[in-house]
PDB file of N, CA and C in Angstrom:
ATOM      1  N   UNK A   1      13.680   9.923  -5.744  1.00  0.00           N
ATOM      2  CA  UNK A   1      12.376   9.849  -5.012  1.00  0.00           C
ATOM      3  C   UNK A   1      11.583   8.789  -5.620  1.00  0.00           C
ATOM      4  N   UNK A   2      10.978   7.862  -4.882  1.00  0.00           N
ATOM      5  CA  UNK A   2      10.300   6.720  -5.314  1.00  0.00           C
ATOM      6  C   UNK A   2       9.008   7.204  -5.999  1.00  0.00           C
ATOM      7  N   UNK A   3       8.631   6.454  -6.892  1.00  0.00           N
ATOM      8  CA  UNK A   3       7.013   6.657  -7.669  1.00  0.00           C
ATOM      9  C   UNK A   3       6.425   5.452  -7.198  1.00  0.00           C
ATOM     10  N   UNK A   4       5.353   5.622  -6.557  1.00  0.00           N
ATOM     11  CA  UNK A   4       4.325   4.741  -6.098  1.00  0.00           C
ATOM     12  C   UNK A   4       3.294   4.292  -7.182  1.00  0.00           C
ATOM     13  N   UNK A   5       3.286   2.969  -7.290  1.00  0.00           N
ATOM     14  CA  UNK A   5       2.263   2.527  -8.028  1.00  0.00           C
ATOM     15  C   UNK A   5       1.439   1.488  -7.227  1.00  0.00           C
ATOM     16  N   UNK A   6       0.284   0.845  -7.705  1.00  0.00           N
ATOM     17  CA  UNK A   6      -0.458  -0.073  -6.929  1.00  0.00           C
ATOM     18  C   UNK A   6      -0.919  -1.089  -8.239  1.00  0.00           C
ATOM     19  N   UNK A   7      -0.960  -2.353  -7.489  1.00  0.00           N
ATOM     20  CA  UNK A   7      -1.278  -3.429  -8.402  1.00  0.00           C
ATOM     21  C   UNK A   7      -1.710  -4.621  -7.551  1.00  0.00           C
ATOM     22  N   UNK A   8      -2.858  -5.400  -8.199  1.00  0.00           N
ATOM     23  CA  UNK A   8      -3.261  -6.521  -7.383  1.00  0.00           C
ATOM     24  C   UNK A   8      -2.284  -7.650  -7.323  1.00  0.00           C
ATOM     25  N   UNK A   9      -2.009  -8.259  -6.221  1.00  0.00           N
ATOM     26  CA  UNK A   9      -1.067  -9.430  -6.128  1.00  0.00           C
ATOM     27  C   UNK A   9      -1.219 -10.554  -6.953  1.00  0.00           C
ATOM     28  N   UNK A  10      -2.403 -10.734  -7.396  1.00  0.00           N
ATOM     29  CA  UNK A  10      -2.786 -11.997  -8.307  1.00  0.00           C
ATOM     30  C   UNK A  10      -2.464 -11.693  -9.658  1.00  0.00           C
ATOM     31  N   UNK A  11      -1.963 -10.263 -10.231  1.00  0.00           N
ATOM     32  CA  UNK A  11      -1.690 -10.148 -11.416  1.00  0.00           C
ATOM     33  C   UNK A  11      -0.065 -10.529 -11.469  1.00  0.00           C
ATOM     34  N   UNK A  12       0.294 -10.828 -12.928  1.00  0.00           N
ATOM     35  CA  UNK A  12       1.625 -11.461 -13.095  1.00  0.00           C
ATOM     36  C   UNK A  12       2.654 -10.468 -12.809  1.00  0.00           C
ATOM     37  N   UNK A  13       3.650 -10.681 -12.060  1.00  0.00           N
ATOM     38  CA  UNK A  13       4.767  -9.674 -11.682  1.00  0.00           C
ATOM     39  C   UNK A  13       5.427  -9.437 -13.095  1.00  0.00           C
ATOM     40  N   UNK A  14       5.921  -7.990 -13.030  1.00  0.00           N
ATOM     41  CA  UNK A  14       6.785  -7.469 -14.274  1.00  0.00           C
ATOM     42  C   UNK A  14       7.951  -6.669 -13.762  1.00  0.00           C
ATOM     43  N   UNK A  15       8.962  -6.772 -14.569  1.00  0.00           N
ATOM     44  CA  UNK A  15       9.965  -5.817 -14.404  1.00  0.00           C
ATOM     45  C   UNK A  15       9.709  -4.509 -14.059  1.00  0.00           C
ATOM     46  N   UNK A  16       8.681  -3.946 -14.752  1.00  0.00           N
ATOM     47  CA  UNK A  16       8.283  -2.630 -14.556  1.00  0.00           C
ATOM     48  C   UNK A  16       7.803  -2.274 -13.147  1.00  0.00           C
ATOM     49  N   UNK A  17       7.222  -3.311 -12.429  1.00  0.00           N
ATOM     50  CA  UNK A  17       6.983  -3.035 -11.006  1.00  0.00           C
ATOM     51  C   UNK A  17       7.929  -2.467 -10.171  1.00  0.00           C
ATOM     52  N   UNK A  18       9.144  -2.591 -10.438  1.00  0.00           N
ATOM     53  CA  UNK A  18      10.255  -2.053  -9.608  1.00  0.00           C
ATOM     54  C   UNK A  18      10.220  -2.882  -8.335  1.00  0.00           C
ATOM     55  N   UNK A  19      10.311  -2.250  -7.034  1.00  0.00           N
ATOM     56  CA  UNK A  19      10.539  -2.950  -5.856  1.00  0.00           C
ATOM     57  C   UNK A  19       8.997  -3.175  -5.251  1.00  0.00           C
ATOM     58  N   UNK A  20       8.615  -4.579  -5.249  1.00  0.00           N
ATOM     59  CA  UNK A  20       7.329  -5.018  -5.101  1.00  0.00           C
ATOM     60  C   UNK A  20       7.125  -5.265  -3.377  1.00  0.00           C
ATOM     61  N   UNK A  21       6.122  -4.427  -3.117  1.00  0.00           N
ATOM     62  CA  UNK A  21       5.896  -4.665  -1.496  1.00  0.00           C
ATOM     63  C   UNK A  21       4.511  -4.946  -1.384  1.00  0.00           C
ATOM     64  N   UNK A  22       4.326  -6.065  -0.572  1.00  0.00           N
ATOM     65  CA  UNK A  22       2.764  -6.311  -0.170  1.00  0.00           C
ATOM     66  C   UNK A  22       2.477  -5.452   0.982  1.00  0.00           C
ATOM     67  N   UNK A  23       1.265  -4.846   0.837  1.00  0.00           N
ATOM     68  CA  UNK A  23       0.992  -3.971   2.008  1.00  0.00           C
ATOM     69  C   UNK A  23      -0.253  -4.515   2.691  1.00  0.00           C
ATOM     70  N   UNK A  24      -0.683  -5.692   2.564  1.00  0.00           N
ATOM     71  CA  UNK A  24      -1.843  -6.278   3.338  1.00  0.00           C
ATOM     72  C   UNK A  24      -1.409  -6.956   4.681  1.00  0.00           C
ATOM     73  N   UNK A  25      -1.975  -6.760   5.705  1.00  0.00           N
ATOM     74  CA  UNK A  25      -1.849  -7.463   6.933  1.00  0.00           C
ATOM     75  C   UNK A  25      -1.859  -8.991   6.822  1.00  0.00           C
ATOM     76  N   UNK A  26      -2.745  -9.579   6.046  1.00  0.00           N
ATOM     77  CA  UNK A  26      -2.676 -10.987   5.852  1.00  0.00           C
ATOM     78  C   UNK A  26      -2.308 -11.602   4.491  1.00  0.00           C
ATOM     79  N   UNK A  27      -1.623 -12.661   4.480  1.00  0.00           N
ATOM     80  CA  UNK A  27      -1.102 -13.274   3.154  1.00  0.00           C
ATOM     81  C   UNK A  27      -2.277 -13.495   2.466  1.00  0.00           C
ATOM     82  N   UNK A  28      -2.295 -13.241   1.028  1.00  0.00           N
ATOM     83  CA  UNK A  28      -3.408 -13.514   0.177  1.00  0.00           C
ATOM     84  C   UNK A  28      -3.609 -14.809  -0.218  1.00  0.00           C
ATOM     85  N   UNK A  29      -4.750 -15.250  -0.443  1.00  0.00           N
ATOM     86  CA  UNK A  29      -5.000 -16.718  -0.579  1.00  0.00           C
ATOM     87  C   UNK A  29      -4.777 -16.882  -2.078  1.00  0.00           C
ATOM     88  N   UNK A  30      -4.335 -18.121  -2.279  1.00  0.00           N
ATOM     89  CA  UNK A  30      -4.055 -18.668  -3.701  1.00  0.00           C
ATOM     90  C   UNK A  30      -2.541 -18.168  -4.295  1.00  0.00           C
ATOM     91  N   UNK A  31      -1.946 -17.311  -3.445  1.00  0.00           N
ATOM     92  CA  UNK A  31      -0.587 -16.865  -4.110  1.00  0.00           C
ATOM     93  C   UNK A  31       0.587 -17.564  -3.291  1.00  0.00           C
ATOM     94  N   UNK A  32       1.308 -18.177  -4.106  1.00  0.00           N
ATOM     95  CA  UNK A  32       2.498 -18.696  -3.391  1.00  0.00           C
ATOM     96  C   UNK A  32       3.557 -17.591  -3.267  1.00  0.00           C
ATOM     97  N   UNK A  33       4.569 -17.827  -2.286  1.00  0.00           N
ATOM     98  CA  UNK A  33       5.629 -16.938  -2.005  1.00  0.00           C
ATOM     99  C   UNK A  33       6.271 -16.749  -3.342  1.00  0.00           C
ATOM    100  N   UNK A  34       6.583 -17.790  -4.125  1.00  0.00           N
ATOM    101  CA  UNK A  34       7.406 -17.710  -5.259  1.00  0.00           C
ATOM    102  C   UNK A  34       6.719 -16.991  -6.457  1.00  0.00           C
ATOM    103  N   UNK A  35       5.347 -17.095  -6.535  1.00  0.00           N
ATOM    104  CA  UNK A  35       4.674 -16.432  -7.477  1.00  0.00           C
ATOM    105  C   UNK A  35       4.455 -14.889  -7.139  1.00  0.00           C
ATOM    106  N   UNK A  36       4.398 -14.542  -5.924  1.00  0.00           N
ATOM    107  CA  UNK A  36       4.290 -13.166  -5.381  1.00  0.00           C
ATOM    108  C   UNK A  36       5.571 -12.465  -5.944  1.00  0.00           C
ATOM    109  N   UNK A  37       6.710 -12.978  -5.844  1.00  0.00           N
ATOM    110  CA  UNK A  37       7.849 -12.306  -6.183  1.00  0.00           C
ATOM    111  C   UNK A  37       8.026 -11.074  -5.441  1.00  0.00           C
ATOM    112  N   UNK A  38       8.064 -11.213  -4.132  1.00  0.00           N
ATOM    113  CA  UNK A  38       8.107  -9.952  -3.319  1.00  0.00           C
ATOM    114  C   UNK A  38       9.495  -9.450  -2.985  1.00  0.00           C
ATOM    115  N   UNK A  39       9.768  -8.260  -2.711  1.00  0.00           N
ATOM    116  CA  UNK A  39      10.921  -7.731  -2.107  1.00  0.00           C
ATOM    117  C   UNK A  39      10.668  -7.321  -0.699  1.00  0.00           C
ATOM    118  N   UNK A  40       9.496  -7.165  -0.303  1.00  0.00           N
ATOM    119  CA  UNK A  40       9.203  -6.762   1.201  1.00  0.00           C
ATOM    120  C   UNK A  40       7.706  -7.059   1.456  1.00  0.00           C
ATOM    121  N   UNK A  41       7.541  -7.184   2.612  1.00  0.00           N
ATOM    122  CA  UNK A  41       6.005  -7.385   3.228  1.00  0.00           C
ATOM    123  C   UNK A  41       5.895  -6.443   4.348  1.00  0.00           C
ATOM    124  N   UNK A  42       5.181  -5.453   4.260  1.00  0.00           N
ATOM    125  CA  UNK A  42       4.779  -4.380   5.143  1.00  0.00           C
ATOM    126  C   UNK A  42       3.540  -4.473   5.885  1.00  0.00           C
ATOM    127  N   UNK A  43       3.379  -5.443   6.708  1.00  0.00           N
ATOM    128  CA  UNK A  43       2.109  -5.607   7.462  1.00  0.00           C
ATOM    129  C   UNK A  43       1.797  -4.264   8.248  1.00  0.00           C
ATOM    130  N   UNK A  44       2.817  -3.659   8.786  1.00  0.00           N
ATOM    131  CA  UNK A  44       2.780  -2.597   9.812  1.00  0.00           C
ATOM    132  C   UNK A  44       2.346  -1.420   9.172  1.00  0.00           C
ATOM    133  N   UNK A  45       2.106  -1.208   8.000  1.00  0.00           N
ATOM    134  CA  UNK A  45       1.408  -0.058   7.255  1.00  0.00           C
ATOM    135  C   UNK A  45       0.173  -0.323   6.857  1.00  0.00           C
ATOM    136  N   UNK A  46      -0.378  -1.429   6.889  1.00  0.00           N
ATOM    137  CA  UNK A  46      -1.756  -1.891   6.442  1.00  0.00           C
ATOM    138  C   UNK A  46      -2.675  -1.330   7.581  1.00  0.00           C
ATOM    139  N   UNK A  47      -3.965  -1.109   7.243  1.00  0.00           N
ATOM    140  CA  UNK A  47      -5.018  -0.704   8.118  1.00  0.00           C
ATOM    141  C   UNK A  47      -5.036  -1.720   9.402  1.00  0.00           C
ATOM    142  N   UNK A  48      -5.303  -1.273  10.471  1.00  0.00           N
ATOM    143  CA  UNK A  48      -5.539  -1.976  11.788  1.00  0.00           C
ATOM    144  C   UNK A  48      -6.583  -3.060  11.441  1.00  0.00           C
ATOM    145  N   UNK A  49      -6.615  -4.157  12.210  1.00  0.00           N
ATOM    146  CA  UNK A  49      -7.558  -5.181  12.078  1.00  0.00           C
ATOM    147  C   UNK A  49      -8.883  -4.682  12.313  1.00  0.00           C
ATOM    148  N   UNK A  50      -8.909  -3.830  13.324  1.00  0.00           N
ATOM    149  CA  UNK A  50     -10.513  -3.317  13.472  1.00  0.00           C
ATOM    150  C   UNK A  50     -10.986  -2.590  12.225  1.00  0.00           C
ATOM    151  N   UNK A  51     -10.168  -1.723  11.967  1.00  0.00           N
ATOM    152  CA  UNK A  51     -10.749  -0.932  10.694  1.00  0.00           C
ATOM    153  C   UNK A  51     -10.994  -1.647   9.451  1.00  0.00           C
ATOM    154  N   UNK A  52     -10.208  -2.499   9.145  1.00  0.00           N
ATOM    155  CA  UNK A  52     -10.223  -3.468   7.954  1.00  0.00           C
ATOM    156  C   UNK A  52     -11.580  -4.273   8.209  1.00  0.00           C
ATOM    157  N   UNK A  53     -11.759  -4.923   9.366  1.00  0.00           N
ATOM    158  CA  UNK A  53     -13.118  -5.597   9.512  1.00  0.00           C
ATOM    159  C   UNK A  53     -14.246  -4.755   9.438  1.00  0.00           C
ATOM    160  N   UNK A  54     -14.261  -3.537   9.857  1.00  0.00           N
ATOM    161  CA  UNK A  54     -15.312  -2.651  10.012  1.00  0.00           C
ATOM    162  C   UNK A  54     -15.547  -2.263   8.607  1.00  0.00           C
ATOM    163  N   UNK A  55     -14.510  -1.820   7.653  1.00  0.00           N
ATOM    164  CA  UNK A  55     -14.846  -1.490   6.172  1.00  0.00           C
ATOM    165  C   UNK A  55     -15.228  -2.599   5.514  1.00  0.00           C
ATOM    166  N   UNK A  56     -14.646  -3.764   5.655  1.00  0.00           N
ATOM    167  CA  UNK A  56     -15.311  -5.115   4.959  1.00  0.00           C
ATOM    168  C   UNK A  56     -15.481  -4.909   3.497  1.00  0.00           C
ATOM    169  N   UNK A  57     -14.696  -3.936   2.800  1.00  0.00           N
ATOM    170  CA  UNK A  57     -14.795  -3.642   1.548  1.00  0.00           C
ATOM    171  C   UNK A  57     -16.193  -3.241   0.920  1.00  0.00           C
ATOM    172  N   UNK A  58     -16.842  -2.515   1.723  1.00  0.00           N
ATOM    173  CA  UNK A  58     -18.274  -2.109   1.384  1.00  0.00           C
ATOM    174  C   UNK A  58     -18.023  -0.576   0.805  1.00  0.00           C
ATOM    175  N   UNK A  59     -18.354  -0.369  -0.585  1.00  0.00           N
ATOM    176  CA  UNK A  59     -18.197   0.900  -1.108  1.00  0.00           C
ATOM    177  C   UNK A  59     -18.806   2.144  -0.283  1.00  0.00           C
ATOM    178  N   UNK A  60     -19.777   1.987   0.204  1.00  0.00           N
ATOM    179  CA  UNK A  60     -20.405   3.186   0.766  1.00  0.00           C
ATOM    180  C   UNK A  60     -19.835   3.523   2.146  1.00  0.00           C
ATOM    181  N   UNK A  61     -18.741   2.741   2.652  1.00  0.00           N
ATOM    182  CA  UNK A  61     -17.882   2.966   3.743  1.00  0.00           C
ATOM    183  C   UNK A  61     -16.502   3.490   3.509  1.00  0.00           C
ATOM    184  N   UNK A  62     -16.264   3.561   2.053  1.00  0.00           N
ATOM    185  CA  UNK A  62     -14.866   3.771   1.693  1.00  0.00           C
ATOM    186  C   UNK A  62     -14.255   5.330   2.062  1.00  0.00           C
ATOM    187  N   UNK A  63     -15.188   6.173   1.894  1.00  0.00           N
ATOM    188  CA  UNK A  63     -14.871   7.657   2.258  1.00  0.00           C
ATOM    189  C   UNK A  63     -14.523   7.755   3.791  1.00  0.00           C
ATOM    190  N   UNK A  64     -15.249   7.157   4.577  1.00  0.00           N
ATOM    191  CA  UNK A  64     -14.993   7.169   6.097  1.00  0.00           C
ATOM    192  C   UNK A  64     -13.837   6.276   6.485  1.00  0.00           C
ATOM    193  N   UNK A  65     -13.747   5.113   5.710  1.00  0.00           N
ATOM    194  CA  UNK A  65     -12.549   4.174   5.836  1.00  0.00           C
ATOM    195  C   UNK A  65     -11.207   5.001   5.667  1.00  0.00           C
ATOM    196  N   UNK A  66     -11.290   5.594   4.464  1.00  0.00           N
ATOM    197  CA  UNK A  66     -10.085   6.381   4.061  1.00  0.00           C
ATOM    198  C   UNK A  66      -9.642   7.372   5.199  1.00  0.00           C
ATOM    199  N   UNK A  67     -10.670   8.186   5.589  1.00  0.00           N
ATOM    200  CA  UNK A  67     -10.230   9.185   6.585  1.00  0.00           C
ATOM    201  C   UNK A  67      -9.814   8.533   7.954  1.00  0.00           C
ATOM    202  N   UNK A  68     -10.339   7.442   8.263  1.00  0.00           N
ATOM    203  CA  UNK A  68      -9.558   6.731   9.575  1.00  0.00           C
ATOM    204  C   UNK A  68      -8.302   6.122   9.183  1.00  0.00           C
ATOM    205  N   UNK A  69      -8.073   5.476   8.048  1.00  0.00           N
ATOM    206  CA  UNK A  69      -6.874   5.160   7.658  1.00  0.00           C
ATOM    207  C   UNK A  69      -5.828   6.094   7.516  1.00  0.00           C
ATOM    208  N   UNK A  70      -6.147   7.228   7.034  1.00  0.00           N
ATOM    209  CA  UNK A  70      -5.282   8.318   6.888  1.00  0.00           C
ATOM    210  C   UNK A  70      -4.799   8.663   8.252  1.00  0.00           C
ATOM    211  N   UNK A  71      -5.666   8.620   9.232  1.00  0.00           N
ATOM    212  CA  UNK A  71      -5.388   9.080  10.624  1.00  0.00           C
ATOM    213  C   UNK A  71      -4.387   8.135  11.303  1.00  0.00           C
ATOM    214  N   UNK A  72      -4.633   6.781  10.876  1.00  0.00           N
ATOM    215  CA  UNK A  72      -3.608   5.797  11.385  1.00  0.00           C
ATOM    216  C   UNK A  72      -2.347   6.014  10.705  1.00  0.00           C
ATOM    217  N   UNK A  73      -2.083   6.247   9.440  1.00  0.00           N
ATOM    218  CA  UNK A  73      -0.946   6.388   8.844  1.00  0.00           C
ATOM    219  C   UNK A  73      -0.267   7.702   9.406  1.00  0.00           C
ATOM    220  N   UNK A  74      -0.853   8.783   9.607  1.00  0.00           N
ATOM    221  CA  UNK A  74      -0.297   9.999  10.076  1.00  0.00           C
ATOM    222  C   UNK A  74       0.514   9.678  11.448  1.00  0.00           C
ATOM    223  N   UNK A  75      -0.118   8.834  12.198  1.00  0.00           N
ATOM    224  CA  UNK A  75       0.322   8.546  13.744  1.00  0.00           C
ATOM    225  C   UNK A  75       1.339   7.402  13.664  1.00  0.00           C
ATOM    226  N   UNK A  76       1.511   6.701  12.525  1.00  0.00           N
ATOM    227  CA  UNK A  76       2.270   5.541  12.654  1.00  0.00           C
ATOM    228  C   UNK A  76       3.819   5.919  12.247  1.00  0.00           C
ATOM    229  N   UNK A  77       4.739   5.557  13.125  1.00  0.00           N
ATOM    230  CA  UNK A  77       6.128   5.841  12.592  1.00  0.00           C
ATOM    231  C   UNK A  77       6.777   4.947  11.652  1.00  0.00           C
ATOM    232  N   UNK A  78       6.008   3.735  11.458  1.00  0.00           N
ATOM    233  CA  UNK A  78       6.395   2.698  10.638  1.00  0.00           C
ATOM    234  C   UNK A  78       6.243   3.257   9.036  1.00  0.00           C
ATOM    235  N   UNK A  79       5.670   4.250   8.917  1.00  0.00           N
ATOM    236  CA  UNK A  79       5.534   4.956   7.474  1.00  0.00           C
ATOM    237  C   UNK A  79       6.869   5.581   7.227  1.00  0.00           C
ATOM    238  N   UNK A  80       7.199   6.328   8.186  1.00  0.00           N
ATOM    239  CA  UNK A  80       8.627   7.054   8.001  1.00  0.00           C
ATOM    240  C   UNK A  80       9.750   6.016   7.812  1.00  0.00           C
ATOM    241  N   UNK A  81       9.787   4.813   8.576  1.00  0.00           N
ATOM    242  CA  UNK A  81      10.753   3.853   8.243  1.00  0.00           C
ATOM    243  C   UNK A  81      10.551   3.231   6.806  1.00  0.00           C
ATOM    244  N   UNK A  82       9.379   3.009   6.614  1.00  0.00           N
ATOM    245  CA  UNK A  82       9.157   2.385   5.072  1.00  0.00           C
ATOM    246  C   UNK A  82       9.672   3.385   4.043  1.00  0.00           C
ATOM    247  N   UNK A  83       9.357   4.613   4.088  1.00  0.00           N
ATOM    248  CA  UNK A  83       9.767   5.759   3.143  1.00  0.00           C
ATOM    249  C   UNK A  83      11.402   5.764   3.187  1.00  0.00           C
ATOM    250  N   UNK A  84      12.078   5.726   4.356  1.00  0.00           N
ATOM    251  CA  UNK A  84      13.363   5.794   4.431  1.00  0.00           C
ATOM    252  C   UNK A  84      13.956   4.461   3.803  1.00  0.00           C
ATOM    253  N   UNK A  85      13.383   3.309   4.073  1.00  0.00           N
ATOM    254  CA  UNK A  85      13.938   1.972   3.345  1.00  0.00           C
ATOM    255  C   UNK A  85      13.795   1.799   1.861  1.00  0.00           C
ATOM    256  N   UNK A  86      12.882   2.535   1.262  1.00  0.00           N
ATOM    257  CA  UNK A  86      12.707   2.489  -0.050  1.00  0.00           C
ATOM    258  C   UNK A  86      13.141   3.626  -0.846  1.00  0.00           C
ATOM    259  N   UNK A  87      13.925   4.621   0.029  1.00  0.00           N
ATOM    260  CA  UNK A  87      14.229   5.814  -0.646  1.00  0.00           C
ATOM    261  C   UNK A  87      14.809   5.650  -2.153  1.00  0.00           C
ATOM    262  N   UNK A  88      14.332   6.316  -3.018  1.00  0.00           N
ATOM    263  CA  UNK A  88      15.130   6.258  -4.469  1.00  0.00           C
ATOM    264  C   UNK A  88      14.493   5.118  -5.163  1.00  0.00           C
ATOM    265  N   UNK A  89      13.618   4.215  -4.619  1.00  0.00           N
ATOM    266  CA  UNK A  89      13.046   3.253  -5.558  1.00  0.00           C
ATOM    267  C   UNK A  89      11.761   3.278  -6.090  1.00  0.00           C
ATOM    268  N   UNK A  90      11.627   3.106  -7.349  1.00  0.00           N
ATOM    269  CA  UNK A  90      10.279   2.906  -7.755  1.00  0.00           C
ATOM    270  C   UNK A  90       9.534   1.733  -7.160  1.00  0.00           C
ATOM    271  N   UNK A  91       8.354   1.919  -6.631  1.00  0.00           N
ATOM    272  CA  UNK A  91       7.908   1.013  -5.949  1.00  0.00           C
ATOM    273  C   UNK A  91       6.422   0.712  -6.024  1.00  0.00           C
ATOM    274  N   UNK A  92       6.022  -0.673  -6.182  1.00  0.00           N
ATOM    275  CA  UNK A  92       4.620  -1.139  -6.430  1.00  0.00           C
ATOM    276  C   UNK A  92       4.057  -1.554  -5.151  1.00  0.00           C
ATOM    277  N   UNK A  93       3.002  -1.176  -4.813  1.00  0.00           N
ATOM    278  CA  UNK A  93       2.312  -1.597  -3.526  1.00  0.00           C
ATOM    279  C   UNK A  93       1.426  -2.561  -3.999  1.00  0.00           C
ATOM    280  N   UNK A  94       1.380  -3.731  -3.391  1.00  0.00           N
ATOM    281  CA  UNK A  94       0.573  -4.895  -3.770  1.00  0.00           C
ATOM    282  C   UNK A  94      -0.459  -5.146  -2.756  1.00  0.00           C
ATOM    283  N   UNK A  95      -1.751  -5.519  -3.236  1.00  0.00           N
ATOM    284  CA  UNK A  95      -2.849  -5.779  -2.473  1.00  0.00           C
ATOM    285  C   UNK A  95      -3.686  -6.812  -3.043  1.00  0.00           C
ATOM    286  N   UNK A  96      -4.593  -7.283  -2.108  1.00  0.00           N
ATOM    287  CA  UNK A  96      -5.276  -8.423  -2.641  1.00  0.00           C
ATOM    288  C   UNK A  96      -6.789  -8.397  -2.904  1.00  0.00           C
ATOM    289  N   UNK A  97      -7.223  -7.165  -2.451  1.00  0.00           N
ATOM    290  CA  UNK A  97      -8.648  -6.778  -2.731  1.00  0.00           C
ATOM    291  C   UNK A  97      -9.010  -6.986  -4.190  1.00  0.00           C
ATOM    292  N   UNK A  98     -10.247  -7.364  -4.492  1.00  0.00           N
ATOM    293  CA  UNK A  98     -10.601  -7.478  -5.781  1.00  0.00           C
ATOM    294  C   UNK A  98     -11.128  -6.351  -6.470  1.00  0.00           C
ATOM    295  N   UNK A  99     -11.530  -5.066  -5.857  1.00  0.00           N
ATOM    296  CA  UNK A  99     -11.810  -3.860  -6.431  1.00  0.00           C
ATOM    297  C   UNK A  99     -10.573  -2.919  -6.482  1.00  0.00           C
ATOM    298  N   UNK A 100     -10.309  -2.508  -7.752  1.00  0.00           N
ATOM    299  CA  UNK A 100      -8.987  -1.840  -8.010  1.00  0.00           C
ATOM    300  C   UNK A 100      -9.071  -0.343  -7.531  1.00  0.00           C
ATOM    301  N   UNK A 101     -10.364   0.124  -7.280  1.00  0.00           N
ATOM    302  CA  UNK A 101     -10.597   1.538  -6.944  1.00  0.00           C
ATOM    303  C   UNK A 101     -10.852   1.761  -5.316  1.00  0.00           C
ATOM    304  N   UNK A 102     -11.406   0.737  -4.836  1.00  0.00           N
ATOM    305  CA  UNK A 102     -11.841   0.926  -3.292  1.00  0.00           C
ATOM    306  C   UNK A 102     -11.278  -0.271  -2.522  1.00  0.00           C
ATOM    307  N   UNK A 103     -10.068   0.229  -2.203  1.00  0.00           N
ATOM    308  CA  UNK A 103      -9.028  -0.531  -1.350  1.00  0.00           C
ATOM    309  C   UNK A 103      -8.218   0.239  -0.534  1.00  0.00           C
ATOM    310  N   UNK A 104      -7.466  -0.247   0.501  1.00  0.00           N
ATOM    311  CA  UNK A 104      -6.640   0.596   1.374  1.00  0.00           C
ATOM    312  C   UNK A 104      -5.334   0.946   0.441  1.00  0.00           C
ATOM    313  N   UNK A 105      -5.005   0.140  -0.686  1.00  0.00           N
ATOM    314  CA  UNK A 105      -3.705   0.501  -1.373  1.00  0.00           C
ATOM    315  C   UNK A 105      -3.678   1.803  -2.033  1.00  0.00           C
ATOM    316  N   UNK A 106      -5.018   2.155  -2.608  1.00  0.00           N
ATOM    317  CA  UNK A 106      -5.351   3.412  -3.275  1.00  0.00           C
ATOM    318  C   UNK A 106      -5.135   4.731  -2.320  1.00  0.00           C
ATOM    319  N   UNK A 107      -5.744   4.438  -0.996  1.00  0.00           N
ATOM    320  CA  UNK A 107      -5.285   5.386  -0.022  1.00  0.00           C
ATOM    321  C   UNK A 107      -4.025   5.608   0.507  1.00  0.00           C
ATOM    322  N   UNK A 108      -3.253   4.536   0.639  1.00  0.00           N
ATOM    323  CA  UNK A 108      -1.908   4.388   0.985  1.00  0.00           C
ATOM    324  C   UNK A 108      -0.980   4.912  -0.106  1.00  0.00           C
ATOM    325  N   UNK A 109      -1.186   4.812  -1.356  1.00  0.00           N
ATOM    326  CA  UNK A 109      -0.470   5.247  -2.621  1.00  0.00           C
ATOM    327  C   UNK A 109      -0.410   6.635  -2.500  1.00  0.00           C
ATOM    328  N   UNK A 110      -1.814   7.176  -2.328  1.00  0.00           N
ATOM    329  CA  UNK A 110      -2.091   8.603  -2.403  1.00  0.00           C
ATOM    330  C   UNK A 110      -1.306   9.406  -1.313  1.00  0.00           C
ATOM    331  N   UNK A 111      -1.388   8.721  -0.160  1.00  0.00           N
ATOM    332  CA  UNK A 111      -0.676   9.465   1.022  1.00  0.00           C
ATOM    333  C   UNK A 111       0.740   9.393   0.891  1.00  0.00           C
ATOM    334  N   UNK A 112       1.321   8.233   0.374  1.00  0.00           N
ATOM    335  CA  UNK A 112       2.862   8.175   0.298  1.00  0.00           C
ATOM    336  C   UNK A 112       3.215   9.159  -0.805  1.00  0.00           C
ATOM    337  N   UNK A 113       2.665   9.285  -1.887  1.00  0.00           N
ATOM    338  CA  UNK A 113       2.892  10.228  -2.879  1.00  0.00           C
ATOM    339  C   UNK A 113       3.121  11.726  -2.448  1.00  0.00           C
ATOM    340  N   UNK A 114       2.058  12.042  -1.491  1.00  0.00           N
ATOM    341  CA  UNK A 114       2.056  13.445  -0.902  1.00  0.00           C
ATOM    342  C   UNK A 114       3.175  13.622  -0.004  1.00  0.00           C
ATOM    343  N   UNK A 115       3.689  12.495   0.752  1.00  0.00           N
ATOM    344  CA  UNK A 115       4.569  12.664   1.621  1.00  0.00           C
ATOM    345  C   UNK A 115       5.985  12.754   0.866  1.00  0.00           C
ATOM    346  N   UNK A 116       6.121  12.588  -0.135  1.00  0.00           N
ATOM    347  CA  UNK A 116       7.496  12.633  -0.941  1.00  0.00           C
ATOM    348  C   UNK A 116       7.848  14.258  -0.901  1.00  0.00           C
ATOM    349  N   UNK A 117       9.154  14.416  -0.745  1.00  0.00           N
ATOM    350  CA  UNK A 117       9.611  15.766  -0.654  1.00  0.00           C
ATOM    351  C   UNK A 117       9.366  16.477  -2.098  1.00  0.00           C
ATOM    352  N   UNK A 118       8.929  17.798  -2.078  1.00  0.00           N
ATOM    353  CA  UNK A 118       8.976  18.379  -3.195  1.00  0.00           C
ATOM    354  C   UNK A 118      10.258  19.011  -3.732  1.00  0.00           C
ATOM    355  N   UNK A 119      10.363  19.027  -5.013  1.00  0.00           N
ATOM    356  CA  UNK A 119      11.584  19.655  -5.544  1.00  0.00           C
ATOM    357  C   UNK A 119      11.697  21.087  -5.345  1.00  0.00           C
ATOM    358  N   UNK A 120      12.751  21.583  -5.226  1.00  0.00           N
ATOM    359  CA  UNK A 120      12.816  23.211  -4.967  1.00  0.00           C
ATOM    360  C   UNK A 120      12.677  23.809  -6.290  1.00  0.00           C
ATOM    361  N   UNK A 121      11.794  24.764  -6.204  1.00  0.00           N
ATOM    362  CA  UNK A 121      11.610  25.652  -7.587  1.00  0.00           C
ATOM    363  C   UNK A 121      12.768  26.358  -7.838  1.00  0.00           C
ATOM    364  N   UNK A 122      13.094  26.480  -9.034  1.00  0.00           N
ATOM    365  CA  UNK A 122      14.223  27.179  -9.697  1.00  0.00           C
ATOM    366  C   UNK A 122      13.910  28.630 -10.234  1.00  0.00           C
TER     367      UNK A 122
END
């Protein structure tokens, strides 16, 4: 079962990151593909363009943004494909936003962690 973490893509890659996946729809400014050290880029599970533009990283909109983004994730079959593709891999979700607490990767990580199958009780 993968364990999800998040990290800003501008931070130095580390072996402990595991499988590094960019989850932004746009390529981050100032980061070369070599420096990014990506294993995957999943634009399809990023927030829609409309939602991202409306949110505009305004803290007072984060709660409403989160609710709308969760609705997008629940309706998106790309999430199931992603979970199948990374099955069993420790995965770091990479994002470019400056705020480590108010960004879509926080919402995505929480959602993906909840989607993981629960271990059977013994």
